[in-house]
């Protein structure tokens, strides 16, 4: 069984769309753990509607923190595989079957990833590796995103789940999925990227929302790049690309774009230079809930 762990706050209609897409997919056995971080009971009607139609468990978490919610759901999960869809994702038909088949075919596979797809078609949410195959310390930065990241449950628990110093709700606001894959590879686990395995997610690049969070997200990537001691040939482009993007946007009079790129650059530099990137310990293993 595949356990789908959805950490959520503030959304309702988007979760219903996700659930509808899962119900339309009969390609694999799954359960959903909905980790509710709302202060109110807004999800109660949704749970009542979908609970009889799927294996759905409603968990409450008072902490508004994506990775804390994911880790709580991981501890309660019962499947041999786990995934962590965002609460505004939609699953194309057959995705769960693809995941199940990949792990069943290779008992040594620890992690499987794929890219993001835009609702209107094509790839979204950043730069993506276009080559299927093993994930390495060089290509992990274009091969992983949290909502299309699949692990064997025992491995996820042994890794301590997602680092709660990272991700939405934390100072280092992104790259927690890349970090988790890097930690797994450091343990000798095999990770593979499949560009045909796609999850649909809204593309929020170069929007006012993206600008507001760009520095915090940049902090997360800079932190992860330094934490895992990647070669200069890998991390340098993550600094000069946003600088070049800001310059080009200014020449074209696109001030919103320039603000986004400059905030991204500030964040990446700060994260890369942070003391925590060199000293913060990795998460301890998680104990499953009986």
C-alpha atoms as a PDB file:
ATOM      1  CA  UNK A   1       0.000   0.000   0.000  1.00  0.00           C
ATOM      2  CA  UNK A   2       1.096   3.582  -0.671  1.00  0.00           C
ATOM      3  CA  UNK A   3       0.590   6.112   2.137  1.00  0.00           C
ATOM      4  CA  UNK A   4      -0.109   9.645   0.883  1.00  0.00           C
ATOM      5  CA  UNK A   5       0.627  12.246   3.556  1.00  0.00           C
ATOM      6  CA  UNK A   6      -0.990  15.650   2.979  1.00  0.00           C
ATOM      7  CA  UNK A   7       0.066  18.404   5.372  1.00  0.00           C
ATOM      8  CA  UNK A   8      -2.394  21.276   5.012  1.00  0.00           C
ATOM      9  CA  UNK A   9      -3.521  24.665   6.281  1.00  0.00           C
ATOM     10  CA  UNK A  10      -6.049  27.051   4.775  1.00  0.00           C
ATOM     11  CA  UNK A  11      -7.163  25.055   1.753  1.00  0.00           C
ATOM     12  CA  UNK A  12     -10.373  23.083   1.221  1.00  0.00           C
ATOM     13  CA  UNK A  13     -11.468  23.128  -2.437  1.00  0.00           C
ATOM     14  CA  UNK A  14      -7.946  22.271  -3.589  1.00  0.00           C
ATOM     15  CA  UNK A  15      -7.887  19.210  -1.328  1.00  0.00           C
ATOM     16  CA  UNK A  16     -11.201  18.071  -2.771  1.00  0.00           C
ATOM     17  CA  UNK A  17      -9.675  18.314  -6.270  1.00  0.00           C
ATOM     18  CA  UNK A  18      -6.712  16.230  -5.122  1.00  0.00           C
ATOM     19  CA  UNK A  19      -9.025  13.615  -3.590  1.00  0.00           C
ATOM     20  CA  UNK A  20     -11.132  13.473  -6.758  1.00  0.00           C
ATOM     21  CA  UNK A  21      -8.024  12.800  -8.832  1.00  0.00           C
ATOM     22  CA  UNK A  22      -7.007   9.992  -6.469  1.00  0.00           C
ATOM     23  CA  UNK A  23     -10.446   8.417  -6.586  1.00  0.00           C
ATOM     24  CA  UNK A  24     -10.261   8.396 -10.388  1.00  0.00           C
ATOM     25  CA  UNK A  25      -7.012   6.403 -10.257  1.00  0.00           C
ATOM     26  CA  UNK A  26      -7.480   2.682  -9.674  1.00  0.00           C
ATOM     27  CA  UNK A  27      -3.866   1.805 -10.486  1.00  0.00           C
ATOM     28  CA  UNK A  28      -2.684   1.132  -6.917  1.00  0.00           C
ATOM     29  CA  UNK A  29      -3.835   0.594  -3.348  1.00  0.00           C
ATOM     30  CA  UNK A  30      -3.422   3.717  -1.200  1.00  0.00           C
ATOM     31  CA  UNK A  31      -4.340   5.470   2.032  1.00  0.00           C
ATOM     32  CA  UNK A  32      -4.459   9.217   2.719  1.00  0.00           C
ATOM     33  CA  UNK A  33      -3.308  10.809   5.969  1.00  0.00           C
ATOM     34  CA  UNK A  34      -4.654  14.362   6.092  1.00  0.00           C
ATOM     35  CA  UNK A  35      -2.605  16.335   8.624  1.00  0.00           C
ATOM     36  CA  UNK A  36      -4.791  19.311   9.536  1.00  0.00           C
ATOM     37  CA  UNK A  37      -2.997  22.424  10.853  1.00  0.00           C
ATOM     38  CA  UNK A  38      -6.037  24.709  10.785  1.00  0.00           C
ATOM     39  CA  UNK A  39      -7.216  26.375  13.975  1.00  0.00           C
ATOM     40  CA  UNK A  40     -10.841  25.709  13.050  1.00  0.00           C
ATOM     41  CA  UNK A  41     -12.901  22.778  11.809  1.00  0.00           C
ATOM     42  CA  UNK A  42     -13.089  23.765   8.152  1.00  0.00           C
ATOM     43  CA  UNK A  43     -12.000  20.309   6.991  1.00  0.00           C
ATOM     44  CA  UNK A  44     -14.674  18.394   8.886  1.00  0.00           C
ATOM     45  CA  UNK A  45     -17.234  18.475   6.029  1.00  0.00           C
ATOM     46  CA  UNK A  46     -14.590  17.372   3.524  1.00  0.00           C
ATOM     47  CA  UNK A  47     -13.509  14.477   5.758  1.00  0.00           C
ATOM     48  CA  UNK A  48     -17.142  13.470   6.200  1.00  0.00           C
ATOM     49  CA  UNK A  49     -17.684  13.510   2.418  1.00  0.00           C
ATOM     50  CA  UNK A  50     -14.571  11.614   1.363  1.00  0.00           C
ATOM     51  CA  UNK A  51     -14.030   9.380   4.393  1.00  0.00           C
ATOM     52  CA  UNK A  52     -16.518   6.725   3.231  1.00  0.00           C
ATOM     53  CA  UNK A  53     -15.010   6.714  -0.271  1.00  0.00           C
ATOM     54  CA  UNK A  54     -11.317   6.166   0.468  1.00  0.00           C
ATOM     55  CA  UNK A  55      -8.962   5.044   3.233  1.00  0.00           C
ATOM     56  CA  UNK A  56      -8.708   8.455   4.871  1.00  0.00           C
ATOM     57  CA  UNK A  57      -7.367   9.356   8.299  1.00  0.00           C
ATOM     58  CA  UNK A  58      -7.692  12.859   9.726  1.00  0.00           C
ATOM     59  CA  UNK A  59      -4.835  13.886  12.030  1.00  0.00           C
ATOM     60  CA  UNK A  60      -4.645  17.199  13.875  1.00  0.00           C
ATOM     61  CA  UNK A  61      -1.447  19.201  14.400  1.00  0.00           C
ATOM     62  CA  UNK A  62      -1.433  22.569  16.123  1.00  0.00           C
ATOM     63  CA  UNK A  63       1.950  23.511  14.670  1.00  0.00           C
ATOM     64  CA  UNK A  64       1.741  25.384  11.348  1.00  0.00           C
ATOM     65  CA  UNK A  65       4.781  23.745   9.780  1.00  0.00           C
ATOM     66  CA  UNK A  66       4.763  21.636   6.615  1.00  0.00           C
ATOM     67  CA  UNK A  67       7.543  19.231   7.604  1.00  0.00           C
ATOM     68  CA  UNK A  68       6.230  18.733  11.132  1.00  0.00           C
ATOM     69  CA  UNK A  69       2.927  17.709   9.561  1.00  0.00           C
ATOM     70  CA  UNK A  70       4.615  15.418   7.065  1.00  0.00           C
ATOM     71  CA  UNK A  71       6.642  13.744   9.800  1.00  0.00           C
ATOM     72  CA  UNK A  72       3.553  13.269  11.971  1.00  0.00           C
ATOM     73  CA  UNK A  73       1.765  11.599   9.072  1.00  0.00           C
ATOM     74  CA  UNK A  74       4.828   9.469   8.336  1.00  0.00           C
ATOM     75  CA  UNK A  75       4.843   8.123  11.883  1.00  0.00           C
ATOM     76  CA  UNK A  76       1.168   7.132  11.528  1.00  0.00           C
ATOM     77  CA  UNK A  77       1.498   5.672   8.015  1.00  0.00           C
ATOM     78  CA  UNK A  78       0.863   1.988   7.312  1.00  0.00           C
ATOM     79  CA  UNK A  79       1.966   1.579   3.714  1.00  0.00           C
ATOM     80  CA  UNK A  80       5.306   0.169   2.609  1.00  0.00           C
ATOM     81  CA  UNK A  81       5.723   3.242   0.354  1.00  0.00           C
ATOM     82  CA  UNK A  82       5.135   6.899   1.252  1.00  0.00           C
ATOM     83  CA  UNK A  83       4.549  10.074  -0.737  1.00  0.00           C
ATOM     84  CA  UNK A  84       3.879  13.666   0.306  1.00  0.00           C
ATOM     85  CA  UNK A  85       1.537  15.464  -2.120  1.00  0.00           C
ATOM     86  CA  UNK A  86       0.922  19.168  -1.554  1.00  0.00           C
ATOM     87  CA  UNK A  87      -2.643  20.152  -0.736  1.00  0.00           C
ATOM     88  CA  UNK A  88      -3.010  21.881  -4.127  1.00  0.00           C
ATOM     89  CA  UNK A  89      -1.727  19.024  -6.330  1.00  0.00           C
ATOM     90  CA  UNK A  90      -3.659  16.933  -8.818  1.00  0.00           C
ATOM     91  CA  UNK A  91      -2.585  13.391  -9.722  1.00  0.00           C
ATOM     92  CA  UNK A  92      -2.781  12.336 -13.380  1.00  0.00           C
ATOM     93  CA  UNK A  93      -4.271   8.894 -13.919  1.00  0.00           C
ATOM     94  CA  UNK A  94      -1.821   6.059 -13.468  1.00  0.00           C
ATOM     95  CA  UNK A  95       0.757   7.852 -11.308  1.00  0.00           C
ATOM     96  CA  UNK A  96       0.304   5.557  -8.320  1.00  0.00           C
ATOM     97  CA  UNK A  97       0.606   2.523 -10.569  1.00  0.00           C
ATOM     98  CA  UNK A  98       3.869   3.877 -11.996  1.00  0.00           C
ATOM     99  CA  UNK A  99       5.250   4.352  -8.496  1.00  0.00           C
ATOM    100  CA  UNK A 100       4.166   0.895  -7.360  1.00  0.00           C
ATOM    101  CA  UNK A 101       5.623  -0.777 -10.446  1.00  0.00           C
ATOM    102  CA  UNK A 102       8.984   0.992 -10.130  1.00  0.00           C
ATOM    103  CA  UNK A 103       9.547  -0.136  -6.546  1.00  0.00           C
ATOM    104  CA  UNK A 104       8.243  -3.637  -7.169  1.00  0.00           C
ATOM    105  CA  UNK A 105      10.621  -4.040 -10.115  1.00  0.00           C
ATOM    106  CA  UNK A 106      13.712  -2.967  -8.156  1.00  0.00           C
ATOM    107  CA  UNK A 107      14.008  -4.121  -4.520  1.00  0.00           C
ATOM    108  CA  UNK A 108      17.158  -1.992  -4.138  1.00  0.00           C
ATOM    109  CA  UNK A 109      15.388   1.255  -5.059  1.00  0.00           C
ATOM    110  CA  UNK A 110      15.004   3.503  -2.030  1.00  0.00           C
ATOM    111  CA  UNK A 111      13.717   6.737  -3.583  1.00  0.00           C
ATOM    112  CA  UNK A 112      11.869   7.632  -6.773  1.00  0.00           C
ATOM    113  CA  UNK A 113      11.252  11.200  -7.954  1.00  0.00           C
ATOM    114  CA  UNK A 114       9.686  13.022 -10.874  1.00  0.00           C
ATOM    115  CA  UNK A 115       9.087  16.631 -11.985  1.00  0.00           C
ATOM    116  CA  UNK A 116       6.230  19.067 -11.569  1.00  0.00           C
ATOM    117  CA  UNK A 117       3.747  19.647 -14.384  1.00  0.00           C
ATOM    118  CA  UNK A 118       1.788  22.858 -14.959  1.00  0.00           C
ATOM    119  CA  UNK A 119      -2.020  22.596 -15.143  1.00  0.00           C
ATOM    120  CA  UNK A 120      -1.934  23.969 -18.668  1.00  0.00           C
ATOM    121  CA  UNK A 121       0.743  21.468 -19.715  1.00  0.00           C
ATOM    122  CA  UNK A 122       4.523  21.335 -19.762  1.00  0.00           C
ATOM    123  CA  UNK A 123       6.923  21.362 -16.841  1.00  0.00           C
ATOM    124  CA  UNK A 124       6.688  23.863 -14.015  1.00  0.00           C
ATOM    125  CA  UNK A 125       8.179  24.957 -10.683  1.00  0.00           C
ATOM    126  CA  UNK A 126      11.792  25.461 -11.685  1.00  0.00           C
ATOM    127  CA  UNK A 127      14.531  23.856 -13.773  1.00  0.00           C
ATOM    128  CA  UNK A 128      14.220  20.119 -14.399  1.00  0.00           C
ATOM    129  CA  UNK A 129      16.614  17.361 -15.326  1.00  0.00           C
ATOM    130  CA  UNK A 130      15.594  15.932 -18.715  1.00  0.00           C
ATOM    131  CA  UNK A 131      17.412  12.616 -18.339  1.00  0.00           C
ATOM    132  CA  UNK A 132      16.028   9.571 -16.563  1.00  0.00           C
ATOM    133  CA  UNK A 133      18.372   7.619 -14.337  1.00  0.00           C
ATOM    134  CA  UNK A 134      20.259   7.637 -11.041  1.00  0.00           C
ATOM    135  CA  UNK A 135      20.183  10.756  -8.890  1.00  0.00           C
ATOM    136  CA  UNK A 136      23.585  12.102  -7.842  1.00  0.00           C
ATOM    137  CA  UNK A 137      24.894  14.993  -5.780  1.00  0.00           C
ATOM    138  CA  UNK A 138      25.228  16.931  -9.034  1.00  0.00           C
ATOM    139  CA  UNK A 139      21.730  16.441 -10.467  1.00  0.00           C
ATOM    140  CA  UNK A 140      19.598  16.136  -7.319  1.00  0.00           C
ATOM    141  CA  UNK A 141      18.945  19.899  -7.413  1.00  0.00           C
ATOM    142  CA  UNK A 142      16.978  19.505 -10.648  1.00  0.00           C
ATOM    143  CA  UNK A 143      15.530  16.066  -9.878  1.00  0.00           C
ATOM    144  CA  UNK A 144      13.471  16.389  -6.683  1.00  0.00           C
ATOM    145  CA  UNK A 145      10.459  18.238  -5.346  1.00  0.00           C
ATOM    146  CA  UNK A 146       8.547  17.301  -2.217  1.00  0.00           C
ATOM    147  CA  UNK A 147       5.147  16.623  -3.772  1.00  0.00           C
ATOM    148  CA  UNK A 148       6.629  14.120  -6.258  1.00  0.00           C
ATOM    149  CA  UNK A 149       8.994  12.302  -3.906  1.00  0.00           C
ATOM    150  CA  UNK A 150       8.449   8.620  -3.095  1.00  0.00           C
ATOM    151  CA  UNK A 151      10.282   6.510  -0.530  1.00  0.00           C
ATOM    152  CA  UNK A 152      10.136   3.155   1.121  1.00  0.00           C
ATOM    153  CA  UNK A 153       8.531   3.858   4.483  1.00  0.00           C
ATOM    154  CA  UNK A 154      11.258   2.143   6.520  1.00  0.00           C
ATOM    155  CA  UNK A 155      13.892   4.316   4.842  1.00  0.00           C
ATOM    156  CA  UNK A 156      11.891   7.506   5.431  1.00  0.00           C
ATOM    157  CA  UNK A 157      11.612   6.675   9.143  1.00  0.00           C
ATOM    158  CA  UNK A 158      15.313   5.800   9.402  1.00  0.00           C
ATOM    159  CA  UNK A 159      16.209   9.168   7.836  1.00  0.00           C
ATOM    160  CA  UNK A 160      14.118  11.007  10.425  1.00  0.00           C
ATOM    161  CA  UNK A 161      11.731  12.206   7.731  1.00  0.00           C
ATOM    162  CA  UNK A 162      12.029  15.793   6.573  1.00  0.00           C
ATOM    163  CA  UNK A 163      14.298  18.175   8.459  1.00  0.00           C
ATOM    164  CA  UNK A 164      12.017  20.471  10.467  1.00  0.00           C
ATOM    165  CA  UNK A 165      14.602  23.257  10.299  1.00  0.00           C
ATOM    166  CA  UNK A 166      13.644  23.489   6.624  1.00  0.00           C
ATOM    167  CA  UNK A 167      10.537  23.967   4.510  1.00  0.00           C
ATOM    168  CA  UNK A 168       7.408  26.161   4.778  1.00  0.00           C
ATOM    169  CA  UNK A 169       7.068  27.396   8.350  1.00  0.00           C
ATOM    170  CA  UNK A 170      10.838  27.302   8.992  1.00  0.00           C
ATOM    171  CA  UNK A 171      13.676  29.781   8.466  1.00  0.00           C
ATOM    172  CA  UNK A 172      15.215  27.716   5.654  1.00  0.00           C
ATOM    173  CA  UNK A 173      12.053  27.657   3.612  1.00  0.00           C
ATOM    174  CA  UNK A 174      12.725  25.175   0.816  1.00  0.00           C
ATOM    175  CA  UNK A 175      14.899  22.303  -0.515  1.00  0.00           C
ATOM    176  CA  UNK A 176      13.855  19.897   2.218  1.00  0.00           C
ATOM    177  CA  UNK A 177      13.175  17.263  -0.429  1.00  0.00           C
ATOM    178  CA  UNK A 178      16.624  17.688  -1.986  1.00  0.00           C
ATOM    179  CA  UNK A 179      18.126  17.493   1.494  1.00  0.00           C
ATOM    180  CA  UNK A 180      16.280  14.266   2.285  1.00  0.00           C
ATOM    181  CA  UNK A 181      17.465  12.648  -0.956  1.00  0.00           C
ATOM    182  CA  UNK A 182      21.055  13.745  -0.259  1.00  0.00           C
ATOM    183  CA  UNK A 183      20.907  12.219   3.221  1.00  0.00           C
ATOM    184  CA  UNK A 184      19.599   8.960   1.770  1.00  0.00           C
ATOM    185  CA  UNK A 185      22.344   8.840  -0.853  1.00  0.00           C
ATOM    186  CA  UNK A 186      24.944   9.448   1.867  1.00  0.00           C
ATOM    187  CA  UNK A 187      23.631   6.249   3.498  1.00  0.00           C
ATOM    188  CA  UNK A 188      24.200   4.370   0.260  1.00  0.00           C
ATOM    189  CA  UNK A 189      20.550   4.265  -0.820  1.00  0.00           C
ATOM    190  CA  UNK A 190      19.657   4.212  -4.513  1.00  0.00           C
ATOM    191  CA  UNK A 191      17.576   7.127  -5.828  1.00  0.00           C
ATOM    192  CA  UNK A 192      16.184   7.406  -9.351  1.00  0.00           C
ATOM    193  CA  UNK A 193      14.592  10.211 -11.360  1.00  0.00           C
ATOM    194  CA  UNK A 194      11.792   9.472 -13.848  1.00  0.00           C
ATOM    195  CA  UNK A 195      10.892  12.523 -16.017  1.00  0.00           C
ATOM    196  CA  UNK A 196       7.689  10.833 -17.208  1.00  0.00           C
ATOM    197  CA  UNK A 197       6.371  10.583 -13.611  1.00  0.00           C
ATOM    198  CA  UNK A 198       4.583  13.928 -13.246  1.00  0.00           C
ATOM    199  CA  UNK A 199       2.350  15.550 -10.641  1.00  0.00           C
ATOM    200  CA  UNK A 200       0.276  18.602 -11.613  1.00  0.00           C
ATOM    201  CA  UNK A 201       0.887  21.645  -9.421  1.00  0.00           C
ATOM    202  CA  UNK A 202       0.147  25.373  -9.879  1.00  0.00           C
ATOM    203  CA  UNK A 203       3.177  27.208 -11.250  1.00  0.00           C
ATOM    204  CA  UNK A 204       3.710  30.244  -9.003  1.00  0.00           C
ATOM    205  CA  UNK A 205       6.989  31.515 -10.433  1.00  0.00           C
ATOM    206  CA  UNK A 206       7.313  35.260 -10.976  1.00  0.00           C
ATOM    207  CA  UNK A 207       4.070  36.092  -9.188  1.00  0.00           C
ATOM    208  CA  UNK A 208       3.691  38.472  -6.202  1.00  0.00           C
ATOM    209  CA  UNK A 209       3.334  35.379  -3.985  1.00  0.00           C
ATOM    210  CA  UNK A 210       6.621  33.997  -5.329  1.00  0.00           C
ATOM    211  CA  UNK A 211       8.423  37.308  -4.747  1.00  0.00           C
ATOM    212  CA  UNK A 212       7.219  37.435  -1.130  1.00  0.00           C
ATOM    213  CA  UNK A 213       8.722  34.042  -0.339  1.00  0.00           C
ATOM    214  CA  UNK A 214      11.740  34.087  -2.699  1.00  0.00           C
ATOM    215  CA  UNK A 215      14.345  35.024  -0.092  1.00  0.00           C
ATOM    216  CA  UNK A 216      13.121  32.396   2.380  1.00  0.00           C
ATOM    217  CA  UNK A 217      13.113  29.748  -0.334  1.00  0.00           C
ATOM    218  CA  UNK A 218      16.563  30.856  -1.427  1.00  0.00           C
ATOM    219  CA  UNK A 219      17.774  30.418   2.141  1.00  0.00           C
ATOM    220  CA  UNK A 220      16.693  26.790   2.048  1.00  0.00           C
ATOM    221  CA  UNK A 221      18.512  25.980  -1.179  1.00  0.00           C
ATOM    222  CA  UNK A 222      21.699  27.754  -0.080  1.00  0.00           C
ATOM    223  CA  UNK A 223      21.588  25.885   3.221  1.00  0.00           C
ATOM    224  CA  UNK A 224      21.226  22.500   1.488  1.00  0.00           C
ATOM    225  CA  UNK A 225      23.993  23.210  -1.042  1.00  0.00           C
ATOM    226  CA  UNK A 226      26.451  24.034   1.740  1.00  0.00           C
ATOM    227  CA  UNK A 227      25.277  21.278   4.091  1.00  0.00           C
ATOM    228  CA  UNK A 228      26.041  18.580   1.537  1.00  0.00           C
ATOM    229  CA  UNK A 229      29.351  20.061   0.343  1.00  0.00           C
ATOM    230  CA  UNK A 230      28.484  20.043  -3.348  1.00  0.00           C
ATOM    231  CA  UNK A 231      31.242  20.961  -5.838  1.00  0.00           C
ATOM    232  CA  UNK A 232      31.656  24.606  -6.832  1.00  0.00           C
ATOM    233  CA  UNK A 233      30.675  23.731 -10.382  1.00  0.00           C
ATOM    234  CA  UNK A 234      27.243  22.790  -9.043  1.00  0.00           C
ATOM    235  CA  UNK A 235      26.539  25.609  -6.601  1.00  0.00           C
ATOM    236  CA  UNK A 236      28.001  28.542  -8.562  1.00  0.00           C
ATOM    237  CA  UNK A 237      25.256  28.527 -11.241  1.00  0.00           C
ATOM    238  CA  UNK A 238      22.656  28.848  -8.484  1.00  0.00           C
ATOM    239  CA  UNK A 239      24.239  32.202  -7.657  1.00  0.00           C
ATOM    240  CA  UNK A 240      25.019  33.684 -11.046  1.00  0.00           C
ATOM    241  CA  UNK A 241      21.739  32.661 -12.722  1.00  0.00           C
ATOM    242  CA  UNK A 242      19.500  34.831 -10.476  1.00  0.00           C
ATOM    243  CA  UNK A 243      22.025  37.680 -10.780  1.00  0.00           C
ATOM    244  CA  UNK A 244      21.864  37.440 -14.559  1.00  0.00           C
ATOM    245  CA  UNK A 245      18.078  37.115 -14.404  1.00  0.00           C
ATOM    246  CA  UNK A 246      17.787  40.296 -12.322  1.00  0.00           C
ATOM    247  CA  UNK A 247      19.980  42.246 -14.741  1.00  0.00           C
ATOM    248  CA  UNK A 248      18.016  41.096 -17.762  1.00  0.00           C
ATOM    249  CA  UNK A 249      14.683  41.857 -16.061  1.00  0.00           C
ATOM    250  CA  UNK A 250      15.828  45.394 -15.213  1.00  0.00           C
ATOM    251  CA  UNK A 251      16.899  45.996 -18.809  1.00  0.00           C
ATOM    252  CA  UNK A 252      13.428  44.921 -19.936  1.00  0.00           C
ATOM    253  CA  UNK A 253      11.675  47.019 -17.287  1.00  0.00           C
ATOM    254  CA  UNK A 254      10.203  43.974 -15.537  1.00  0.00           C
ATOM    255  CA  UNK A 255      10.544  45.140 -11.937  1.00  0.00           C
ATOM    256  CA  UNK A 256       8.582  42.286 -10.350  1.00  0.00           C
ATOM    257  CA  UNK A 257      10.868  39.756 -12.023  1.00  0.00           C
ATOM    258  CA  UNK A 258      13.959  41.678 -10.939  1.00  0.00           C
ATOM    259  CA  UNK A 259      12.752  41.746  -7.324  1.00  0.00           C
ATOM    260  CA  UNK A 260      12.179  37.994  -7.448  1.00  0.00           C
ATOM    261  CA  UNK A 261      15.651  37.208  -8.755  1.00  0.00           C
ATOM    262  CA  UNK A 262      17.399  39.570  -6.333  1.00  0.00           C
ATOM    263  CA  UNK A 263      15.504  38.162  -3.345  1.00  0.00           C
ATOM    264  CA  UNK A 264      16.385  34.650  -4.498  1.00  0.00           C
ATOM    265  CA  UNK A 265      20.060  35.583  -4.734  1.00  0.00           C
ATOM    266  CA  UNK A 266      20.079  37.204  -1.270  1.00  0.00           C
ATOM    267  CA  UNK A 267      18.496  34.125   0.230  1.00  0.00           C
ATOM    268  CA  UNK A 268      20.836  31.645  -1.458  1.00  0.00           C
ATOM    269  CA  UNK A 269      23.901  33.601  -0.375  1.00  0.00           C
ATOM    270  CA  UNK A 270      22.669  33.874   3.214  1.00  0.00           C
ATOM    271  CA  UNK A 271      21.767  30.195   3.394  1.00  0.00           C
ATOM    272  CA  UNK A 272      25.095  29.120   1.907  1.00  0.00           C
ATOM    273  CA  UNK A 273      27.018  31.250   4.400  1.00  0.00           C
ATOM    274  CA  UNK A 274      24.929  30.320   7.433  1.00  0.00           C
ATOM    275  CA  UNK A 275      26.599  28.686  10.420  1.00  0.00           C
ATOM    276  CA  UNK A 276      23.746  26.177  10.642  1.00  0.00           C
ATOM    277  CA  UNK A 277      24.610  24.755   7.216  1.00  0.00           C
ATOM    278  CA  UNK A 278      27.857  23.486   8.730  1.00  0.00           C
ATOM    279  CA  UNK A 279      26.738  22.625  12.247  1.00  0.00           C
ATOM    280  CA  UNK A 280      23.052  21.645  12.331  1.00  0.00           C
ATOM    281  CA  UNK A 281      22.763  17.875  12.928  1.00  0.00           C
ATOM    282  CA  UNK A 282      20.684  15.661  10.689  1.00  0.00           C
ATOM    283  CA  UNK A 283      17.288  14.551  12.025  1.00  0.00           C
ATOM    284  CA  UNK A 284      17.162  11.539  14.330  1.00  0.00           C
ATOM    285  CA  UNK A 285      15.202   8.446  13.190  1.00  0.00           C
ATOM    286  CA  UNK A 286      11.437   8.558  13.712  1.00  0.00           C
ATOM    287  CA  UNK A 287       9.532   5.961  15.692  1.00  0.00           C
ATOM    288  CA  UNK A 288       6.312   4.759  14.035  1.00  0.00           C
ATOM    289  CA  UNK A 289       3.053   5.000  15.943  1.00  0.00           C
ATOM    290  CA  UNK A 290       1.827   1.502  16.753  1.00  0.00           C
END
